[in-house]
mmCIF file of all heavy atoms, coordinates in Angstrom:
data_MODEL
# 
_entry.id   MODEL 
# 
loop_
_atom_site.group_PDB 
_atom_site.id 
_atom_site.type_symbol 
_atom_site.label_atom_id 
_atom_site.label_alt_id 
_atom_site.label_comp_id 
_atom_site.label_asym_id 
_atom_site.label_entity_id 
_atom_site.label_seq_id 
_atom_site.pdbx_PDB_ins_code 
_atom_site.Cartn_x 
_atom_site.Cartn_y 
_atom_site.Cartn_z 
_atom_site.occupancy 
_atom_site.B_iso_or_equiv 
_atom_site.pdbx_formal_charge 
_atom_site.auth_seq_id 
_atom_site.auth_comp_id 
_atom_site.auth_asym_id 
_atom_site.auth_atom_id 
_atom_site.pdbx_PDB_model_num 
ATOM 1   N N   . VAL A 1 1  ? 52.229 154.240 -107.697 1.00 0.00 ? 1  VAL A N   1 
ATOM 2   C CA  . VAL A 1 1  ? 52.877 154.287 -109.017 1.00 0.00 ? 1  VAL A CA  1 
ATOM 3   C C   . VAL A 1 1  ? 53.155 152.857 -109.461 1.00 0.00 ? 1  VAL A C   1 
ATOM 4   O O   . VAL A 1 1  ? 53.852 152.105 -108.768 1.00 0.00 ? 1  VAL A O   1 
ATOM 5   C CB  . VAL A 1 1  ? 54.200 155.081 -108.982 1.00 0.00 ? 1  VAL A CB  1 
ATOM 6   C CG1 . VAL A 1 1  ? 54.844 155.084 -110.363 1.00 0.00 ? 1  VAL A CG1 1 
ATOM 7   C CG2 . VAL A 1 1  ? 53.969 156.501 -108.479 1.00 0.00 ? 1  VAL A CG2 1 
ATOM 8   N N   . ILE A 1 2  ? 52.620 152.491 -110.619 1.00 0.00 ? 2  ILE A N   1 
ATOM 9   C CA  . ILE A 1 2  ? 52.788 151.130 -111.145 1.00 0.00 ? 2  ILE A CA  1 
ATOM 10  C C   . ILE A 1 2  ? 53.420 151.200 -112.532 1.00 0.00 ? 2  ILE A C   1 
ATOM 11  O O   . ILE A 1 2  ? 52.975 151.961 -113.396 1.00 0.00 ? 2  ILE A O   1 
ATOM 12  C CB  . ILE A 1 2  ? 51.432 150.402 -111.218 1.00 0.00 ? 2  ILE A CB  1 
ATOM 13  C CG1 . ILE A 1 2  ? 50.924 150.120 -109.798 1.00 0.00 ? 2  ILE A CG1 1 
ATOM 14  C CG2 . ILE A 1 2  ? 51.543 149.110 -112.019 1.00 0.00 ? 2  ILE A CG2 1 
ATOM 15  C CD1 . ILE A 1 2  ? 49.494 149.654 -109.730 1.00 0.00 ? 2  ILE A CD1 1 
ATOM 16  N N   . SER A 1 3  ? 54.466 150.422 -112.735 1.00 0.00 ? 3  SER A N   1 
ATOM 17  C CA  . SER A 1 3  ? 55.076 150.272 -114.059 1.00 0.00 ? 3  SER A CA  1 
ATOM 18  C C   . SER A 1 3  ? 54.630 148.939 -114.649 1.00 0.00 ? 3  SER A C   1 
ATOM 19  O O   . SER A 1 3  ? 54.564 147.925 -113.942 1.00 0.00 ? 3  SER A O   1 
ATOM 20  C CB  . SER A 1 3  ? 56.608 150.296 -113.938 1.00 0.00 ? 3  SER A CB  1 
ATOM 21  O OG  . SER A 1 3  ? 57.201 149.799 -115.125 1.00 0.00 ? 3  SER A OG  1 
ATOM 22  N N   . SER A 1 4  ? 54.354 148.926 -115.940 1.00 0.00 ? 4  SER A N   1 
ATOM 23  C CA  . SER A 1 4  ? 53.959 147.672 -116.596 1.00 0.00 ? 4  SER A CA  1 
ATOM 24  C C   . SER A 1 4  ? 55.060 146.620 -116.486 1.00 0.00 ? 4  SER A C   1 
ATOM 25  O O   . SER A 1 4  ? 54.792 145.418 -116.566 1.00 0.00 ? 4  SER A O   1 
ATOM 26  C CB  . SER A 1 4  ? 53.615 147.925 -118.061 1.00 0.00 ? 4  SER A CB  1 
ATOM 27  O OG  . SER A 1 4  ? 54.723 148.443 -118.763 1.00 0.00 ? 4  SER A OG  1 
ATOM 28  N N   . HIS A 1 5  ? 56.303 147.073 -116.263 1.00 0.00 ? 5  HIS A N   1 
ATOM 29  C CA  . HIS A 1 5  ? 57.407 146.121 -116.091 1.00 0.00 ? 5  HIS A CA  1 
ATOM 30  C C   . HIS A 1 5  ? 57.258 145.326 -114.800 1.00 0.00 ? 5  HIS A C   1 
ATOM 31  O O   . HIS A 1 5  ? 57.819 144.236 -114.680 1.00 0.00 ? 5  HIS A O   1 
ATOM 32  C CB  . HIS A 1 5  ? 58.746 146.863 -116.122 1.00 0.00 ? 5  HIS A CB  1 
ATOM 33  C CG  . HIS A 1 5  ? 59.025 147.473 -117.462 1.00 0.00 ? 5  HIS A CG  1 
ATOM 34  N ND1 . HIS A 1 5  ? 59.820 146.880 -118.414 1.00 0.00 ? 5  HIS A ND1 1 
ATOM 35  C CD2 . HIS A 1 5  ? 58.587 148.629 -118.020 1.00 0.00 ? 5  HIS A CD2 1 
ATOM 36  C CE1 . HIS A 1 5  ? 59.860 147.636 -119.498 1.00 0.00 ? 5  HIS A CE1 1 
ATOM 37  N NE2 . HIS A 1 5  ? 59.120 148.702 -119.281 1.00 0.00 ? 5  HIS A NE2 1 
ATOM 38  N N   . ASP A 1 6  ? 56.488 145.855 -113.848 1.00 0.00 ? 6  ASP A N   1 
ATOM 39  C CA  . ASP A 1 6  ? 56.214 145.103 -112.616 1.00 0.00 ? 6  ASP A CA  1 
ATOM 40  C C   . ASP A 1 6  ? 55.447 143.817 -112.932 1.00 0.00 ? 6  ASP A C   1 
ATOM 41  O O   . ASP A 1 6  ? 55.558 142.823 -112.216 1.00 0.00 ? 6  ASP A O   1 
ATOM 42  C CB  . ASP A 1 6  ? 55.370 145.944 -111.640 1.00 0.00 ? 6  ASP A CB  1 
ATOM 43  C CG  . ASP A 1 6  ? 56.025 147.252 -111.254 1.00 0.00 ? 6  ASP A CG  1 
ATOM 44  O OD1 . ASP A 1 6  ? 57.255 147.386 -111.434 1.00 0.00 ? 6  ASP A OD1 1 
ATOM 45  O OD2 . ASP A 1 6  ? 55.308 148.145 -110.760 1.00 0.00 ? 6  ASP A OD2 1 
ATOM 46  N N   . TYR A 1 7  ? 54.633 143.874 -113.997 1.00 0.00 ? 7  TYR A N   1 
ATOM 47  C CA  . TYR A 1 7  ? 53.784 142.741 -114.377 1.00 0.00 ? 7  TYR A CA  1 
ATOM 48  C C   . TYR A 1 7  ? 54.322 141.978 -115.578 1.00 0.00 ? 7  TYR A C   1 
ATOM 49  O O   . TYR A 1 7  ? 53.752 140.963 -115.968 1.00 0.00 ? 7  TYR A O   1 
ATOM 50  C CB  . TYR A 1 7  ? 52.376 143.234 -114.724 1.00 0.00 ? 7  TYR A CB  1 
ATOM 51  C CG  . TYR A 1 7  ? 51.685 144.046 -113.663 1.00 0.00 ? 7  TYR A CG  1 
ATOM 52  C CD1 . TYR A 1 7  ? 50.790 145.059 -114.021 1.00 0.00 ? 7  TYR A CD1 1 
ATOM 53  C CD2 . TYR A 1 7  ? 51.905 143.817 -112.301 1.00 0.00 ? 7  TYR A CD2 1 
ATOM 54  C CE1 . TYR A 1 7  ? 50.129 145.806 -113.068 1.00 0.00 ? 7  TYR A CE1 1 
ATOM 55  C CE2 . TYR A 1 7  ? 51.247 144.569 -111.341 1.00 0.00 ? 7  TYR A CE2 1 
ATOM 56  C CZ  . TYR A 1 7  ? 50.362 145.566 -111.724 1.00 0.00 ? 7  TYR A CZ  1 
ATOM 57  O OH  . TYR A 1 7  ? 49.702 146.313 -110.778 1.00 0.00 ? 7  TYR A OH  1 
ATOM 58  N N   . GLN A 1 8  ? 55.366 142.514 -116.213 1.00 0.00 ? 8  GLN A N   1 
ATOM 59  C CA  . GLN A 1 8  ? 55.904 141.934 -117.444 1.00 0.00 ? 8  GLN A CA  1 
ATOM 60  C C   . GLN A 1 8  ? 54.854 141.889 -118.562 1.00 0.00 ? 8  GLN A C   1 
ATOM 61  O O   . GLN A 1 8  ? 54.851 140.988 -119.412 1.00 0.00 ? 8  GLN A O   1 
ATOM 62  C CB  . GLN A 1 8  ? 56.468 140.522 -117.189 1.00 0.00 ? 8  GLN A CB  1 
ATOM 63  C CG  . GLN A 1 8  ? 57.707 140.505 -116.315 1.00 0.00 ? 8  GLN A CG  1 
ATOM 64  C CD  . GLN A 1 8  ? 58.861 141.319 -116.948 1.00 0.00 ? 8  GLN A CD  1 
ATOM 65  O OE1 . GLN A 1 8  ? 59.332 140.998 -118.035 1.00 0.00 ? 8  GLN A OE1 1 
ATOM 66  N NE2 . GLN A 1 8  ? 59.286 142.367 -116.272 1.00 0.00 ? 8  GLN A NE2 1 
ATOM 67  N N   . GLU A 1 9  ? 53.959 142.880 -118.533 1.00 0.00 ? 9  GLU A N   1 
ATOM 68  C CA  . GLU A 1 9  ? 52.940 143.022 -119.574 1.00 0.00 ? 9  GLU A CA  1 
ATOM 69  C C   . GLU A 1 9  ? 52.748 144.503 -119.861 1.00 0.00 ? 9  GLU A C   1 
ATOM 70  O O   . GLU A 1 9  ? 52.570 145.290 -118.927 1.00 0.00 ? 9  GLU A O   1 
ATOM 71  C CB  . GLU A 1 9  ? 51.592 142.439 -119.106 1.00 0.00 ? 9  GLU A CB  1 
ATOM 72  C CG  . GLU A 1 9  ? 51.566 140.944 -118.890 1.00 0.00 ? 9  GLU A CG  1 
ATOM 73  C CD  . GLU A 1 9  ? 51.498 140.154 -120.194 1.00 0.00 ? 9  GLU A CD  1 
ATOM 74  O OE1 . GLU A 1 9  ? 51.348 140.781 -121.267 1.00 0.00 ? 9  GLU A OE1 1 
ATOM 75  O OE2 . GLU A 1 9  ? 51.590 138.919 -120.126 1.00 0.00 ? 9  GLU A OE2 1 
ATOM 76  N N   . PRO A 1 10 ? 52.768 144.927 -121.133 1.00 0.00 ? 10 PRO A N   1 
ATOM 77  C CA  . PRO A 1 10 ? 52.525 146.334 -121.443 1.00 0.00 ? 10 PRO A CA  1 
ATOM 78  C C   . PRO A 1 10 ? 51.046 146.669 -121.293 1.00 0.00 ? 10 PRO A C   1 
ATOM 79  O O   . PRO A 1 10 ? 50.187 145.775 -121.303 1.00 0.00 ? 10 PRO A O   1 
ATOM 80  C CB  . PRO A 1 10 ? 52.969 146.453 -122.909 1.00 0.00 ? 10 PRO A CB  1 
ATOM 81  C CG  . PRO A 1 10 ? 52.686 145.096 -123.480 1.00 0.00 ? 10 PRO A CG  1 
ATOM 82  C CD  . PRO A 1 10 ? 52.987 144.124 -122.359 1.00 0.00 ? 10 PRO A CD  1 
ATOM 83  N N   . LYS A 1 11 ? 50.742 147.954 -121.195 1.00 0.00 ? 11 LYS A N   1 
ATOM 84  C CA  . LYS A 1 11 ? 49.346 148.378 -121.037 1.00 0.00 ? 11 LYS A CA  1 
ATOM 85  C C   . LYS A 1 11 ? 48.502 148.032 -122.268 1.00 0.00 ? 11 LYS A C   1 
ATOM 86  O O   . LYS A 1 11 ? 47.278 147.973 -122.174 1.00 0.00 ? 11 LYS A O   1 
ATOM 87  C CB  . LYS A 1 11 ? 49.274 149.888 -120.776 1.00 0.00 ? 11 LYS A CB  1 
ATOM 88  C CG  . LYS A 1 11 ? 49.823 150.292 -119.420 1.00 0.00 ? 11 LYS A CG  1 
ATOM 89  C CD  . LYS A 1 11 ? 49.538 151.751 -119.090 1.00 0.00 ? 11 LYS A CD  1 
ATOM 90  C CE  . LYS A 1 11 ? 50.279 152.702 -119.986 1.00 0.00 ? 11 LYS A CE  1 
ATOM 91  N NZ  . LYS A 1 11 ? 50.028 154.118 -119.642 1.00 0.00 ? 11 LYS A NZ  1 
ATOM 92  N N   . GLU A 1 12 ? 49.145 147.814 -123.402 1.00 0.00 ? 12 GLU A N   1 
ATOM 93  C CA  . GLU A 1 12 ? 48.411 147.409 -124.607 1.00 0.00 ? 12 GLU A CA  1 
ATOM 94  C C   . GLU A 1 12 ? 47.847 145.998 -124.482 1.00 0.00 ? 12 GLU A C   1 
ATOM 95  O O   . GLU A 1 12 ? 46.994 145.591 -125.277 1.00 0.00 ? 12 GLU A O   1 
ATOM 96  C CB  . GLU A 1 12 ? 49.339 147.480 -125.824 1.00 0.00 ? 12 GLU A CB  1 
ATOM 97  C CG  . GLU A 1 12 ? 49.720 148.887 -126.249 1.00 0.00 ? 12 GLU A CG  1 
ATOM 98  C CD  . GLU A 1 12 ? 50.925 149.465 -125.514 1.00 0.00 ? 12 GLU A CD  1 
ATOM 99  O OE1 . GLU A 1 12 ? 51.310 148.922 -124.439 1.00 0.00 ? 12 GLU A OE1 1 
ATOM 100 O OE2 . GLU A 1 12 ? 51.491 150.458 -125.991 1.00 0.00 ? 12 GLU A OE2 1 
ATOM 101 N N   . SER A 1 13 ? 48.312 145.247 -123.485 1.00 0.00 ? 13 SER A N   1 
ATOM 102 C CA  . SER A 1 13 ? 47.877 143.864 -123.270 1.00 0.00 ? 13 SER A CA  1 
ATOM 103 C C   . SER A 1 13 ? 46.706 143.802 -122.283 1.00 0.00 ? 13 SER A C   1 
ATOM 104 O O   . SER A 1 13 ? 46.690 144.521 -121.283 1.00 0.00 ? 13 SER A O   1 
ATOM 105 C CB  . SER A 1 13 ? 49.057 143.048 -122.723 1.00 0.00 ? 13 SER A CB  1 
ATOM 106 O OG  . SER A 1 13 ? 48.615 141.859 -122.112 1.00 0.00 ? 13 SER A OG  1 
ATOM 107 N N   . GLN A 1 14 ? 45.761 142.936 -122.550 1.00 0.00 ? 14 GLN A N   1 
ATOM 108 C CA  . GLN A 1 14 ? 44.643 142.745 -121.614 1.00 0.00 ? 14 GLN A CA  1 
ATOM 109 C C   . GLN A 1 14 ? 45.128 142.200 -120.270 1.00 0.00 ? 14 GLN A C   1 
ATOM 110 O O   . GLN A 1 14 ? 44.550 142.488 -119.221 1.00 0.00 ? 14 GLN A O   1 
ATOM 111 C CB  . GLN A 1 14 ? 43.609 141.786 -122.218 1.00 0.00 ? 14 GLN A CB  1 
ATOM 112 C CG  . GLN A 1 14 ? 42.906 142.321 -123.450 1.00 0.00 ? 14 GLN A CG  1 
ATOM 113 C CD  . GLN A 1 14 ? 41.984 143.491 -123.137 1.00 0.00 ? 14 GLN A CD  1 
ATOM 114 O OE1 . GLN A 1 14 ? 40.885 143.287 -122.648 1.00 0.00 ? 14 GLN A OE1 1 
ATOM 115 N NE2 . GLN A 1 14 ? 42.432 144.711 -123.403 1.00 0.00 ? 14 GLN A NE2 1 
ATOM 116 N N   . ALA A 1 15 ? 46.211 141.446 -120.306 1.00 0.00 ? 15 ALA A N   1 
ATOM 117 C CA  . ALA A 1 15 ? 46.747 140.867 -119.067 1.00 0.00 ? 15 ALA A CA  1 
ATOM 118 C C   . ALA A 1 15 ? 47.214 141.946 -118.099 1.00 0.00 ? 15 ALA A C   1 
ATOM 119 O O   . ALA A 1 15 ? 47.174 141.758 -116.879 1.00 0.00 ? 15 ALA A O   1 
ATOM 120 C CB  . ALA A 1 15 ? 47.900 139.913 -119.382 1.00 0.00 ? 15 ALA A CB  1 
ATOM 121 N N   . PHE A 1 16 ? 47.669 143.101 -118.625 1.00 0.00 ? 16 PHE A N   1 
ATOM 122 C CA  . PHE A 1 16 ? 48.095 144.194 -117.738 1.00 0.00 ? 16 PHE A CA  1 
ATOM 123 C C   . PHE A 1 16 ? 46.964 144.601 -116.809 1.00 0.00 ? 16 PHE A C   1 
ATOM 124 O O   . PHE A 1 16 ? 47.157 144.768 -115.598 1.00 0.00 ? 16 PHE A O   1 
ATOM 125 C CB  . PHE A 1 16 ? 48.557 145.410 -118.550 1.00 0.00 ? 16 PHE A CB  1 
ATOM 126 C CG  . PHE A 1 16 ? 48.791 146.622 -117.683 1.00 0.00 ? 16 PHE A CG  1 
ATOM 127 C CD1 . PHE A 1 16 ? 50.012 146.808 -117.054 1.00 0.00 ? 16 PHE A CD1 1 
ATOM 128 C CD2 . PHE A 1 16 ? 47.779 147.559 -117.458 1.00 0.00 ? 16 PHE A CD2 1 
ATOM 129 C CE1 . PHE A 1 16 ? 50.224 147.904 -116.215 1.00 0.00 ? 16 PHE A CE1 1 
ATOM 130 C CE2 . PHE A 1 16 ? 47.985 148.659 -116.631 1.00 0.00 ? 16 PHE A CE2 1 
ATOM 131 C CZ  . PHE A 1 16 ? 49.207 148.825 -116.016 1.00 0.00 ? 16 PHE A CZ  1 
ATOM 132 N N   . TRP A 1 17 ? 45.768 144.780 -117.367 1.00 0.00 ? 17 TRP A N   1 
ATOM 133 C CA  . TRP A 1 17 ? 44.631 145.265 -116.582 1.00 0.00 ? 17 TRP A CA  1 
ATOM 134 C C   . TRP A 1 17 ? 44.189 144.216 -115.560 1.00 0.00 ? 17 TRP A C   1 
ATOM 135 O O   . TRP A 1 17 ? 43.738 144.566 -114.464 1.00 0.00 ? 17 TRP A O   1 
ATOM 136 C CB  . TRP A 1 17 ? 43.490 145.677 -117.513 1.00 0.00 ? 17 TRP A CB  1 
ATOM 137 C CG  . TRP A 1 17 ? 43.963 146.661 -118.537 1.00 0.00 ? 17 TRP A CG  1 
ATOM 138 C CD1 . TRP A 1 17 ? 44.233 146.413 -119.861 1.00 0.00 ? 17 TRP A CD1 1 
ATOM 139 C CD2 . TRP A 1 17 ? 44.314 148.036 -118.320 1.00 0.00 ? 17 TRP A CD2 1 
ATOM 140 N NE1 . TRP A 1 17 ? 44.709 147.550 -120.480 1.00 0.00 ? 17 TRP A NE1 1 
ATOM 141 C CE2 . TRP A 1 17 ? 44.762 148.567 -119.567 1.00 0.00 ? 17 TRP A CE2 1 
ATOM 142 C CE3 . TRP A 1 17 ? 44.275 148.875 -117.205 1.00 0.00 ? 17 TRP A CE3 1 
ATOM 143 C CZ2 . TRP A 1 17 ? 45.175 149.887 -119.707 1.00 0.00 ? 17 TRP A CZ2 1 
ATOM 144 C CZ3 . TRP A 1 17 ? 44.689 150.197 -117.351 1.00 0.00 ? 17 TRP A CZ3 1 
ATOM 145 C CH2 . TRP A 1 17 ? 45.126 150.692 -118.590 1.00 0.00 ? 17 TRP A CH2 1 
ATOM 146 N N   . ASP A 1 18 ? 44.324 142.931 -115.935 1.00 0.00 ? 18 ASP A N   1 
ATOM 147 C CA  . ASP A 1 18 ? 44.030 141.859 -114.965 1.00 0.00 ? 18 ASP A CA  1 
ATOM 148 C C   . ASP A 1 18 ? 44.964 141.959 -113.768 1.00 0.00 ? 18 ASP A C   1 
ATOM 149 O O   . ASP A 1 18 ? 44.531 141.887 -112.610 1.00 0.00 ? 18 ASP A O   1 
ATOM 150 C CB  . ASP A 1 18 ? 44.192 140.483 -115.630 1.00 0.00 ? 18 ASP A CB  1 
ATOM 151 C CG  . ASP A 1 18 ? 43.168 140.210 -116.713 1.00 0.00 ? 18 ASP A CG  1 
ATOM 152 O OD1 . ASP A 1 18 ? 42.065 140.787 -116.655 1.00 0.00 ? 18 ASP A OD1 1 
ATOM 153 O OD2 . ASP A 1 18 ? 43.480 139.422 -117.631 1.00 0.00 ? 18 ASP A OD2 1 
ATOM 154 N N   . HIS A 1 19 ? 46.255 142.110 -114.035 1.00 0.00 ? 19 HIS A N   1 
ATOM 155 C CA  . HIS A 1 19 ? 47.252 142.264 -112.966 1.00 0.00 ? 19 HIS A CA  1 
ATOM 156 C C   . HIS A 1 19 ? 46.940 143.499 -112.123 1.00 0.00 ? 19 HIS A C   1 
ATOM 157 O O   . HIS A 1 19 ? 47.006 143.466 -110.895 1.00 0.00 ? 19 HIS A O   1 
ATOM 158 C CB  . HIS A 1 19 ? 48.661 142.409 -113.559 1.00 0.00 ? 19 HIS A CB  1 
ATOM 159 C CG  . HIS A 1 19 ? 49.283 141.144 -114.023 1.00 0.00 ? 19 HIS A CG  1 
ATOM 160 N ND1 . HIS A 1 19 ? 49.657 140.129 -113.159 1.00 0.00 ? 19 HIS A ND1 1 
ATOM 161 C CD2 . HIS A 1 19 ? 49.617 140.717 -115.276 1.00 0.00 ? 19 HIS A CD2 1 
ATOM 162 C CE1 . HIS A 1 19 ? 50.196 139.137 -113.853 1.00 0.00 ? 19 HIS A CE1 1 
ATOM 163 N NE2 . HIS A 1 19 ? 50.179 139.470 -115.133 1.00 0.00 ? 19 HIS A NE2 1 
ATOM 164 N N   . LEU A 1 20 ? 46.628 144.599 -112.810 1.00 0.00 ? 20 LEU A N   1 
ATOM 165 C CA  . LEU A 1 20 ? 46.376 145.856 -112.111 1.00 0.00 ? 20 LEU A CA  1 
ATOM 166 C C   . LEU A 1 20 ? 45.200 145.725 -111.152 1.00 0.00 ? 20 LEU A C   1 
ATOM 167 O O   . LEU A 1 20 ? 45.271 146.196 -110.012 1.00 0.00 ? 20 LEU A O   1 
ATOM 168 C CB  . LEU A 1 20 ? 46.107 146.968 -113.127 1.00 0.00 ? 20 LEU A CB  1 
ATOM 169 C CG  . LEU A 1 20 ? 45.776 148.338 -112.544 1.00 0.00 ? 20 LEU A CG  1 
ATOM 170 C CD1 . LEU A 1 20 ? 46.964 148.899 -111.762 1.00 0.00 ? 20 LEU A CD1 1 
ATOM 171 C CD2 . LEU A 1 20 ? 45.361 149.308 -113.648 1.00 0.00 ? 20 LEU A CD2 1 
ATOM 172 N N   . GLN A 1 21 ? 44.129 145.095 -111.597 1.00 0.00 ? 21 GLN A N   1 
ATOM 173 C CA  . GLN A 1 21 ? 42.960 144.999 -110.722 1.00 0.00 ? 21 GLN A CA  1 
ATOM 174 C C   . GLN A 1 21 ? 43.220 144.109 -109.520 1.00 0.00 ? 21 GLN A C   1 
ATOM 175 O O   . GLN A 1 21 ? 42.663 144.333 -108.444 1.00 0.00 ? 21 GLN A O   1 
ATOM 176 C CB  . GLN A 1 21 ? 41.726 144.511 -111.484 1.00 0.00 ? 21 GLN A CB  1 
ATOM 177 C CG  . GLN A 1 21 ? 40.449 144.726 -110.665 1.00 0.00 ? 21 GLN A CG  1 
ATOM 178 C CD  . GLN A 1 21 ? 39.214 144.359 -111.400 1.00 0.00 ? 21 GLN A CD  1 
ATOM 179 O OE1 . GLN A 1 21 ? 39.135 143.280 -111.976 1.00 0.00 ? 21 GLN A OE1 1 
ATOM 180 N NE2 . GLN A 1 21 ? 38.223 145.236 -111.387 1.00 0.00 ? 21 GLN A NE2 1 
ATOM 181 N N   . ARG A 1 22 ? 44.100 143.127 -109.684 1.00 0.00 ? 22 ARG A N   1 
ATOM 182 C CA  . ARG A 1 22 ? 44.452 142.304 -108.517 1.00 0.00 ? 22 ARG A CA  1 
ATOM 183 C C   . ARG A 1 22 ? 45.230 143.123 -107.492 1.00 0.00 ? 22 ARG A C   1 
ATOM 184 O O   . ARG A 1 22 ? 45.078 142.927 -106.283 1.00 0.00 ? 22 ARG A O   1 
ATOM 185 C CB  . ARG A 1 22 ? 45.264 141.074 -108.958 1.00 0.00 ? 22 ARG A CB  1 
ATOM 186 C CG  . ARG A 1 22 ? 44.409 139.979 -109.587 1.00 0.00 ? 22 ARG A CG  1 
ATOM 187 C CD  . ARG A 1 22 ? 45.156 138.669 -109.700 1.00 0.00 ? 22 ARG A CD  1 
ATOM 188 N NE  . ARG A 1 22 ? 46.192 138.700 -110.723 1.00 0.00 ? 22 ARG A NE  1 
ATOM 189 C CZ  . ARG A 1 22 ? 45.980 138.409 -112.007 1.00 0.00 ? 22 ARG A CZ  1 
ATOM 190 N NH1 . ARG A 1 22 ? 44.774 138.088 -112.433 1.00 0.00 ? 22 ARG A NH1 1 
ATOM 191 N NH2 . ARG A 1 22 ? 46.979 138.435 -112.872 1.00 0.00 ? 22 ARG A NH2 1 
ATOM 192 N N   . GLU A 1 23 ? 46.089 144.034 -107.972 1.00 0.00 ? 23 GLU A N   1 
ATOM 193 C CA  . GLU A 1 23 ? 46.868 144.863 -107.052 1.00 0.00 ? 23 GLU A CA  1 
ATOM 194 C C   . GLU A 1 23 ? 46.068 146.052 -106.543 1.00 0.00 ? 23 GLU A C   1 
ATOM 195 O O   . GLU A 1 23 ? 46.222 146.466 -105.388 1.00 0.00 ? 23 GLU A O   1 
ATOM 196 C CB  . GLU A 1 23 ? 48.144 145.365 -107.747 1.00 0.00 ? 23 GLU A CB  1 
ATOM 197 C CG  . GLU A 1 23 ? 49.038 146.169 -106.818 1.00 0.00 ? 23 GLU A CG  1 
ATOM 198 C CD  . GLU A 1 23 ? 50.415 146.440 -107.396 1.00 0.00 ? 23 GLU A CD  1 
ATOM 199 O OE1 . GLU A 1 23 ? 50.752 145.884 -108.468 1.00 0.00 ? 23 GLU A OE1 1 
ATOM 200 O OE2 . GLU A 1 23 ? 51.163 147.198 -106.774 1.00 0.00 ? 23 GLU A OE2 1 
ATOM 201 N N   . GLU A 1 24 ? 45.227 146.604 -107.397 1.00 0.00 ? 24 GLU A N   1 
ATOM 202 C CA  . GLU A 1 24 ? 44.428 147.793 -107.078 1.00 0.00 ? 24 GLU A CA  1 
ATOM 203 C C   . GLU A 1 24 ? 42.964 147.455 -107.340 1.00 0.00 ? 24 GLU A C   1 
ATOM 204 O O   . GLU A 1 24 ? 42.447 147.729 -108.419 1.00 0.00 ? 24 GLU A O   1 
ATOM 205 C CB  . GLU A 1 24 ? 44.844 148.967 -107.979 1.00 0.00 ? 24 GLU A CB  1 
ATOM 206 C CG  . GLU A 1 24 ? 46.082 149.680 -107.558 1.00 0.00 ? 24 GLU A CG  1 
ATOM 207 C CD  . GLU A 1 24 ? 45.833 150.657 -106.422 1.00 0.00 ? 24 GLU A CD  1 
ATOM 208 O OE1 . GLU A 1 24 ? 44.670 151.056 -106.210 1.00 0.00 ? 24 GLU A OE1 1 
ATOM 209 O OE2 . GLU A 1 24 ? 46.795 151.010 -105.737 1.00 0.00 ? 24 GLU A OE2 1 
ATOM 210 N N   . PRO A 1 25 ? 42.273 146.849 -106.395 1.00 0.00 ? 25 PRO A N   1 
ATOM 211 C CA  . PRO A 1 25 ? 40.892 146.413 -106.661 1.00 0.00 ? 25 PRO A CA  1 
ATOM 212 C C   . PRO A 1 25 ? 39.954 147.604 -106.914 1.00 0.00 ? 25 PRO A C   1 
ATOM 213 O O   . PRO A 1 25 ? 39.476 148.239 -105.991 1.00 0.00 ? 25 PRO A O   1 
ATOM 214 C CB  . PRO A 1 25 ? 40.504 145.673 -105.371 1.00 0.00 ? 25 PRO A CB  1 
ATOM 215 C CG  . PRO A 1 25 ? 41.797 145.367 -104.682 1.00 0.00 ? 25 PRO A CG  1 
ATOM 216 C CD  . PRO A 1 25 ? 42.716 146.490 -105.049 1.00 0.00 ? 25 PRO A CD  1 
ATOM 217 N N   . PHE A 1 26 ? 39.732 147.927 -108.184 1.00 0.00 ? 26 PHE A N   1 
ATOM 218 C CA  . PHE A 1 26 ? 38.892 149.055 -108.549 1.00 0.00 ? 26 PHE A CA  1 
ATOM 219 C C   . PHE A 1 26 ? 37.674 148.576 -109.323 1.00 0.00 ? 26 PHE A C   1 
ATOM 220 O O   . PHE A 1 26 ? 37.683 147.504 -109.935 1.00 0.00 ? 26 PHE A O   1 
ATOM 221 C CB  . PHE A 1 26 ? 39.689 150.069 -109.383 1.00 0.00 ? 26 PHE A CB  1 
ATOM 222 C CG  . PHE A 1 26 ? 40.278 149.501 -110.658 1.00 0.00 ? 26 PHE A CG  1 
ATOM 223 C CD1 . PHE A 1 26 ? 39.545 149.476 -111.833 1.00 0.00 ? 26 PHE A CD1 1 
ATOM 224 C CD2 . PHE A 1 26 ? 41.573 148.994 -110.677 1.00 0.00 ? 26 PHE A CD2 1 
ATOM 225 C CE1 . PHE A 1 26 ? 40.085 148.948 -113.005 1.00 0.00 ? 26 PHE A CE1 1 
ATOM 226 C CE2 . PHE A 1 26 ? 42.127 148.475 -111.843 1.00 0.00 ? 26 PHE A CE2 1 
ATOM 227 C CZ  . PHE A 1 26 ? 41.366 148.449 -113.011 1.00 0.00 ? 26 PHE A CZ  1 
# 
């Protein structure tokens, strides 16, 4: 379970997905 607040970026931001892939290499 990941909250965008963990990254300080909302899912509407491209930076969110960058952070997500670093944590969850998909």
